[in-house]
Amino acid sequence: MFEQARVWERAEAEKRFAEVLDGAKAGRLQRVSDVDGVFEIKFNAASPKETAGRVLARGGPDTK
């Protein structure tokens, strides 16, 4: 699922923050090195919402 992580130095990641986020959203783990450790950034997509058409296609309760 994830490709090899992209590694950034913190100063560069701060300058190019949009690229860090876009890379994570594209499915690539982003690692940002800091003097005290490493931040790991990944994107978790929201659960897809069910479309109105699919809800209506299920039908309603049987009222017989």
PDB file of N, CA and C in Angstrom:
ATOM      1  N   MET A   1       0.821  -1.191   0.000  1.00  0.00           N
ATOM      2  CA  MET A   1       0.000   0.000   0.000  1.00  0.00           C
ATOM      3  C   MET A   1       0.861   1.250   0.000  1.00  0.00           C
ATOM      4  N   PHE A   2       1.740   1.396   0.987  1.00  0.00           N
ATOM      5  CA  PHE A   2       2.603   2.562   1.035  1.00  0.00           C
ATOM      6  C   PHE A   2       3.886   2.308   0.271  1.00  0.00           C
ATOM      7  N   GLU A   3       4.339   3.314  -0.457  1.00  0.00           N
ATOM      8  CA  GLU A   3       5.645   3.257  -1.092  1.00  0.00           C
ATOM      9  C   GLU A   3       6.695   3.515  -0.012  1.00  0.00           C
ATOM     10  N   GLN A   4       7.951   3.464  -0.403  1.00  0.00           N
ATOM     11  CA  GLN A   4       9.019   3.801   0.528  1.00  0.00           C
ATOM     12  C   GLN A   4       8.810   5.224   1.032  1.00  0.00           C
ATOM     13  N   ALA A   5       9.111   5.458   2.296  1.00  0.00           N
ATOM     14  CA  ALA A   5       8.873   6.760   2.912  1.00  0.00           C
ATOM     15  C   ALA A   5       9.759   7.843   2.303  1.00  0.00           C
ATOM     16  N   ARG A   6       9.229   9.044   2.250  1.00  0.00           N
ATOM     17  CA  ARG A   6       9.995  10.229   1.862  1.00  0.00           C
ATOM     18  C   ARG A   6      10.554  10.818   3.146  1.00  0.00           C
ATOM     19  N   VAL A   7      11.847  11.092   3.175  1.00  0.00           N
ATOM     20  CA  VAL A   7      12.502  11.621   4.369  1.00  0.00           C
ATOM     21  C   VAL A   7      12.855  13.084   4.144  1.00  0.00           C
ATOM     22  N   TRP A   8      12.482  13.919   5.102  1.00  0.00           N
ATOM     23  CA  TRP A   8      12.728  15.355   5.050  1.00  0.00           C
ATOM     24  C   TRP A   8      13.518  15.784   6.281  1.00  0.00           C
ATOM     25  N   GLU A   9      14.347  16.785   6.141  1.00  0.00           N
ATOM     26  CA  GLU A   9      14.895  17.489   7.298  1.00  0.00           C
ATOM     27  C   GLU A   9      13.817  18.477   7.731  1.00  0.00           C
ATOM     28  N   ARG A  10      13.718  18.752   9.006  1.00  0.00           N
ATOM     29  CA  ARG A  10      12.632  19.591   9.507  1.00  0.00           C
ATOM     30  C   ARG A  10      12.570  20.955   8.825  1.00  0.00           C
ATOM     31  N   ALA A  11      13.704  21.626   8.678  1.00  0.00           N
ATOM     32  CA  ALA A  11      13.703  22.964   8.067  1.00  0.00           C
ATOM     33  C   ALA A  11      13.142  22.927   6.649  1.00  0.00           C
ATOM     34  N   GLU A  12      13.515  21.907   5.884  1.00  0.00           N
ATOM     35  CA  GLU A  12      13.012  21.781   4.509  1.00  0.00           C
ATOM     36  C   GLU A  12      11.520  21.444   4.514  1.00  0.00           C
ATOM     37  N   ALA A  13      11.105  20.566   5.408  1.00  0.00           N
ATOM     38  CA  ALA A  13       9.687  20.206   5.497  1.00  0.00           C
ATOM     39  C   ALA A  13       8.836  21.417   5.868  1.00  0.00           C
ATOM     40  N   GLU A  14       9.354  22.283   6.715  1.00  0.00           N
ATOM     41  CA  GLU A  14       8.610  23.485   7.089  1.00  0.00           C
ATOM     42  C   GLU A  14       8.442  24.416   5.886  1.00  0.00           C
ATOM     43  N   LYS A  15       9.461  24.523   5.060  1.00  0.00           N
ATOM     44  CA  LYS A  15       9.389  25.378   3.869  1.00  0.00           C
ATOM     45  C   LYS A  15       8.445  24.801   2.819  1.00  0.00           C
ATOM     46  N   ARG A  16       8.371  23.475   2.755  1.00  0.00           N
ATOM     47  CA  ARG A  16       7.613  22.797   1.692  1.00  0.00           C
ATOM     48  C   ARG A  16       6.479  21.959   2.283  1.00  0.00           C
ATOM     49  N   PHE A  17       5.811  22.524   3.285  1.00  0.00           N
ATOM     50  CA  PHE A  17       4.805  21.786   4.038  1.00  0.00           C
ATOM     51  C   PHE A  17       3.691  21.230   3.153  1.00  0.00           C
ATOM     52  N   ALA A  18       3.270  22.003   2.173  1.00  0.00           N
ATOM     53  CA  ALA A  18       2.207  21.523   1.268  1.00  0.00           C
ATOM     54  C   ALA A  18       2.653  20.252   0.548  1.00  0.00           C
ATOM     55  N   GLU A  19       3.911  20.168   0.151  1.00  0.00           N
ATOM     56  CA  GLU A  19       4.423  18.961  -0.513  1.00  0.00           C
ATOM     57  C   GLU A  19       4.433  17.771   0.437  1.00  0.00           C
ATOM     58  N   VAL A  20       4.760  18.024   1.699  1.00  0.00           N
ATOM     59  CA  VAL A  20       4.749  16.959   2.699  1.00  0.00           C
ATOM     60  C   VAL A  20       3.335  16.394   2.818  1.00  0.00           C
ATOM     61  N   LEU A  21       2.351  17.290   2.945  1.00  0.00           N
ATOM     62  CA  LEU A  21       0.962  16.846   3.078  1.00  0.00           C
ATOM     63  C   LEU A  21       0.455  16.166   1.809  1.00  0.00           C
ATOM     64  N   ASP A  22       0.789  16.718   0.656  1.00  0.00           N
ATOM     65  CA  ASP A  22       0.357  16.107  -0.612  1.00  0.00           C
ATOM     66  C   ASP A  22       0.960  14.720  -0.782  1.00  0.00           C
ATOM     67  N   GLY A  23       2.218  14.555  -0.397  1.00  0.00           N
ATOM     68  CA  GLY A  23       2.856  13.240  -0.483  1.00  0.00           C
ATOM     69  C   GLY A  23       2.165  12.226   0.404  1.00  0.00           C
ATOM     70  N   ALA A  24       1.814  12.651   1.615  1.00  0.00           N
ATOM     71  CA  ALA A  24       1.099  11.759   2.531  1.00  0.00           C
ATOM     72  C   ALA A  24      -0.269  11.395   1.965  1.00  0.00           C
ATOM     73  N   LYS A  25      -0.957  12.377   1.401  1.00  0.00           N
ATOM     74  CA  LYS A  25      -2.286  12.125   0.838  1.00  0.00           C
ATOM     75  C   LYS A  25      -2.215  11.184  -0.358  1.00  0.00           C
ATOM     76  N   ALA A  26      -1.093  11.210  -1.078  1.00  0.00           N
ATOM     77  CA  ALA A  26      -0.907  10.329  -2.225  1.00  0.00           C
ATOM     78  C   ALA A  26      -0.529   8.901  -1.795  1.00  0.00           C
ATOM     79  N   GLY A  27      -0.430   8.665  -0.483  1.00  0.00           N
ATOM     80  CA  GLY A  27      -0.157   7.313   0.002  1.00  0.00           C
ATOM     81  C   GLY A  27       1.282   7.036   0.340  1.00  0.00           C
ATOM     82  N   ARG A  28       2.088   8.073   0.393  1.00  0.00           N
ATOM     83  CA  ARG A  28       3.507   7.882   0.701  1.00  0.00           C
ATOM     84  C   ARG A  28       3.802   8.428   2.094  1.00  0.00           C
ATOM     85  N   LEU A  29       4.288   7.580   2.990  1.00  0.00           N
ATOM     86  CA  LEU A  29       4.657   7.985   4.335  1.00  0.00           C
ATOM     87  C   LEU A  29       5.716   9.081   4.270  1.00  0.00           C
ATOM     88  N   GLN A  30       5.532  10.122   5.074  1.00  0.00           N
ATOM     89  CA  GLN A  30       6.477  11.233   5.133  1.00  0.00           C
ATOM     90  C   GLN A  30       7.174  11.193   6.494  1.00  0.00           C
ATOM     91  N   ARG A  31       8.479  11.210   6.497  1.00  0.00           N
ATOM     92  CA  ARG A  31       9.249  11.228   7.746  1.00  0.00           C
ATOM     93  C   ARG A  31      10.020  12.536   7.803  1.00  0.00           C
ATOM     94  N   VAL A  32       9.850  13.241   8.901  1.00  0.00           N
ATOM     95  CA  VAL A  32      10.509  14.524   9.093  1.00  0.00           C
ATOM     96  C   VAL A  32      11.480  14.378  10.261  1.00  0.00           C
ATOM     97  N   SER A  33      12.786  14.504   9.968  1.00  0.00           N
ATOM     98  CA  SER A  33      13.819  14.360  10.987  1.00  0.00           C
ATOM     99  C   SER A  33      13.965  15.635  11.790  1.00  0.00           C
ATOM    100  N   ASP A  34      14.005  15.478  13.106  1.00  0.00           N
ATOM    101  CA  ASP A  34      14.176  16.567  14.047  1.00  0.00           C
ATOM    102  C   ASP A  34      15.343  16.169  14.959  1.00  0.00           C
ATOM    103  N   VAL A  35      15.937  17.115  15.656  1.00  0.00           N
ATOM    104  CA  VAL A  35      17.078  16.780  16.516  1.00  0.00           C
ATOM    105  C   VAL A  35      16.698  15.790  17.614  1.00  0.00           C
ATOM    106  N   ASP A  36      15.431  15.767  17.997  1.00  0.00           N
ATOM    107  CA  ASP A  36      14.997  14.890  19.081  1.00  0.00           C
ATOM    108  C   ASP A  36      14.344  13.599  18.609  1.00  0.00           C
ATOM    109  N   GLY A  37      14.158  13.429  17.294  1.00  0.00           N
ATOM    110  CA  GLY A  37      13.502  12.221  16.799  1.00  0.00           C
ATOM    111  C   GLY A  37      12.959  12.416  15.402  1.00  0.00           C
ATOM    112  N   VAL A  38      11.939  11.639  15.084  1.00  0.00           N
ATOM    113  CA  VAL A  38      11.354  11.654  13.742  1.00  0.00           C
ATOM    114  C   VAL A  38       9.837  11.743  13.849  1.00  0.00           C
ATOM    115  N   PHE A  39       9.242  12.645  13.062  1.00  0.00           N
ATOM    116  CA  PHE A  39       7.797  12.708  12.907  1.00  0.00           C
ATOM    117  C   PHE A  39       7.443  11.814  11.724  1.00  0.00           C
ATOM    118  N   GLU A  40       6.382  11.033  11.838  1.00  0.00           N
ATOM    119  CA  GLU A  40       5.883  10.253  10.717  1.00  0.00           C
ATOM    120  C   GLU A  40       4.488  10.743  10.387  1.00  0.00           C
ATOM    121  N   ILE A  41       4.304  11.101   9.121  1.00  0.00           N
ATOM    122  CA  ILE A  41       3.044  11.683   8.690  1.00  0.00           C
ATOM    123  C   ILE A  41       2.436  10.792   7.621  1.00  0.00           C
ATOM    124  N   LYS A  42       1.192  10.380   7.855  1.00  0.00           N
ATOM    125  CA  LYS A  42       0.456   9.621   6.852  1.00  0.00           C
ATOM    126  C   LYS A  42      -0.967  10.157   6.815  1.00  0.00           C
ATOM    127  N   PHE A  43      -1.634   9.947   5.716  1.00  0.00           N
ATOM    128  CA  PHE A  43      -2.991  10.436   5.516  1.00  0.00           C
ATOM    129  C   PHE A  43      -3.971   9.310   5.733  1.00  0.00           C
ATOM    130  N   ASN A  44      -4.998   9.554   6.536  1.00  0.00           N
ATOM    131  CA  ASN A  44      -6.084   8.599   6.739  1.00  0.00           C
ATOM    132  C   ASN A  44      -7.341   9.208   6.131  1.00  0.00           C
ATOM    133  N   ALA A  45      -7.807   8.624   5.043  1.00  0.00           N
ATOM    134  CA  ALA A  45      -8.992   9.137   4.361  1.00  0.00           C
ATOM    135  C   ALA A  45     -10.237   8.916   5.214  1.00  0.00           C
ATOM    136  N   ALA A  46     -11.163   9.848   5.107  1.00  0.00           N
ATOM    137  CA  ALA A  46     -12.449   9.703   5.777  1.00  0.00           C
ATOM    138  C   ALA A  46     -13.198   8.540   5.145  1.00  0.00           C
ATOM    139  N   SER A  47     -14.023   7.901   5.928  1.00  0.00           N
ATOM    140  CA  SER A  47     -14.832   6.808   5.388  1.00  0.00           C
ATOM    141  C   SER A  47     -15.755   7.360   4.314  1.00  0.00           C
ATOM    142  N   PRO A  48     -15.831   6.672   3.192  1.00  0.00           N
ATOM    143  CA  PRO A  48     -16.714   7.173   2.132  1.00  0.00           C
ATOM    144  C   PRO A  48     -18.169   7.138   2.588  1.00  0.00           C
ATOM    145  N   LYS A  49     -18.885   8.173   2.254  1.00  0.00           N
ATOM    146  CA  LYS A  49     -20.302   8.243   2.616  1.00  0.00           C
ATOM    147  C   LYS A  49     -21.112   7.492   1.570  1.00  0.00           C
ATOM    148  N   GLU A  50     -22.173   6.873   2.024  1.00  0.00           N
ATOM    149  CA  GLU A  50     -23.048   6.140   1.122  1.00  0.00           C
ATOM    150  C   GLU A  50     -23.867   7.140   0.294  1.00  0.00           C
ATOM    151  N   THR A  51     -23.961   6.896  -1.001  1.00  0.00           N
ATOM    152  CA  THR A  51     -24.701   7.804  -1.870  1.00  0.00           C
ATOM    153  C   THR A  51     -26.207   7.658  -1.639  1.00  0.00           C
ATOM    154  N   ALA A  52     -26.938   8.724  -1.949  1.00  0.00           N
ATOM    155  CA  ALA A  52     -28.390   8.706  -1.792  1.00  0.00           C
ATOM    156  C   ALA A  52     -29.008   7.609  -2.661  1.00  0.00           C
ATOM    157  N   GLY A  53     -28.488   7.432  -3.865  1.00  0.00           N
ATOM    158  CA  GLY A  53     -29.002   6.398  -4.757  1.00  0.00           C
ATOM    159  C   GLY A  53     -28.882   5.013  -4.158  1.00  0.00           C
ATOM    160  N   ARG A  54     -27.780   4.732  -3.494  1.00  0.00           N
ATOM    161  CA  ARG A  54     -27.590   3.412  -2.886  1.00  0.00           C
ATOM    162  C   ARG A  54     -28.550   3.225  -1.706  1.00  0.00           C
ATOM    163  N   VAL A  55     -28.741   4.287  -0.911  1.00  0.00           N
ATOM    164  CA  VAL A  55     -29.680   4.191   0.211  1.00  0.00           C
ATOM    165  C   VAL A  55     -31.086   3.921  -0.302  1.00  0.00           C
ATOM    166  N   LEU A  56     -31.507   4.661  -1.335  1.00  0.00           N
ATOM    167  CA  LEU A  56     -32.851   4.482  -1.887  1.00  0.00           C
ATOM    168  C   LEU A  56     -33.016   3.126  -2.561  1.00  0.00           C
ATOM    169  N   ALA A  57     -31.972   2.603  -3.150  1.00  0.00           N
ATOM    170  CA  ALA A  57     -32.042   1.316  -3.833  1.00  0.00           C
ATOM    171  C   ALA A  57     -32.290   0.164  -2.857  1.00  0.00           C
ATOM    172  N   ARG A  58     -31.909   0.346  -1.615  1.00  0.00           N
ATOM    173  CA  ARG A  58     -32.148  -0.711  -0.609  1.00  0.00           C
ATOM    174  C   ARG A  58     -33.630  -0.847  -0.313  1.00  0.00           C
ATOM    175  N   GLY A  59     -34.390   0.190  -0.534  1.00  0.00           N
ATOM    176  CA  GLY A  59     -35.825   0.140  -0.246  1.00  0.00           C
ATOM    177  C   GLY A  59     -36.088   0.439   1.217  1.00  0.00           C
ATOM    178  N   GLY A  60     -37.327   0.624   1.525  1.00  0.00           N
ATOM    179  CA  GLY A  60     -37.715   0.922   2.897  1.00  0.00           C
ATOM    180  C   GLY A  60     -38.275  -0.283   3.583  1.00  0.00           C
ATOM    181  N   PRO A  61     -38.858  -0.082   4.740  1.00  0.00           N
ATOM    182  CA  PRO A  61     -39.452  -1.218   5.463  1.00  0.00           C
ATOM    183  C   PRO A  61     -40.684  -1.755   4.709  1.00  0.00           C
ATOM    184  N   ASP A  62     -40.891  -3.031   4.836  1.00  0.00           N
ATOM    185  CA  ASP A  62     -42.057  -3.668   4.216  1.00  0.00           C
ATOM    186  C   ASP A  62     -43.260  -3.390   5.108  1.00  0.00           C
ATOM    187  N   THR A  63     -44.305  -2.733   4.568  1.00  0.00           N
ATOM    188  CA  THR A  63     -45.457  -2.337   5.400  1.00  0.00           C
ATOM    189  C   THR A  63     -46.678  -3.202   5.138  1.00  0.00           C
ATOM    190  N   LYS A  64     -46.506  -4.429   4.721  1.00  0.00           N
ATOM    191  CA  LYS A  64     -47.645  -5.323   4.450  1.00  0.00           C
ATOM    192  C   LYS A  64     -48.264  -5.814   5.705  1.00  0.00           C
TER     193      LYS A  64
END
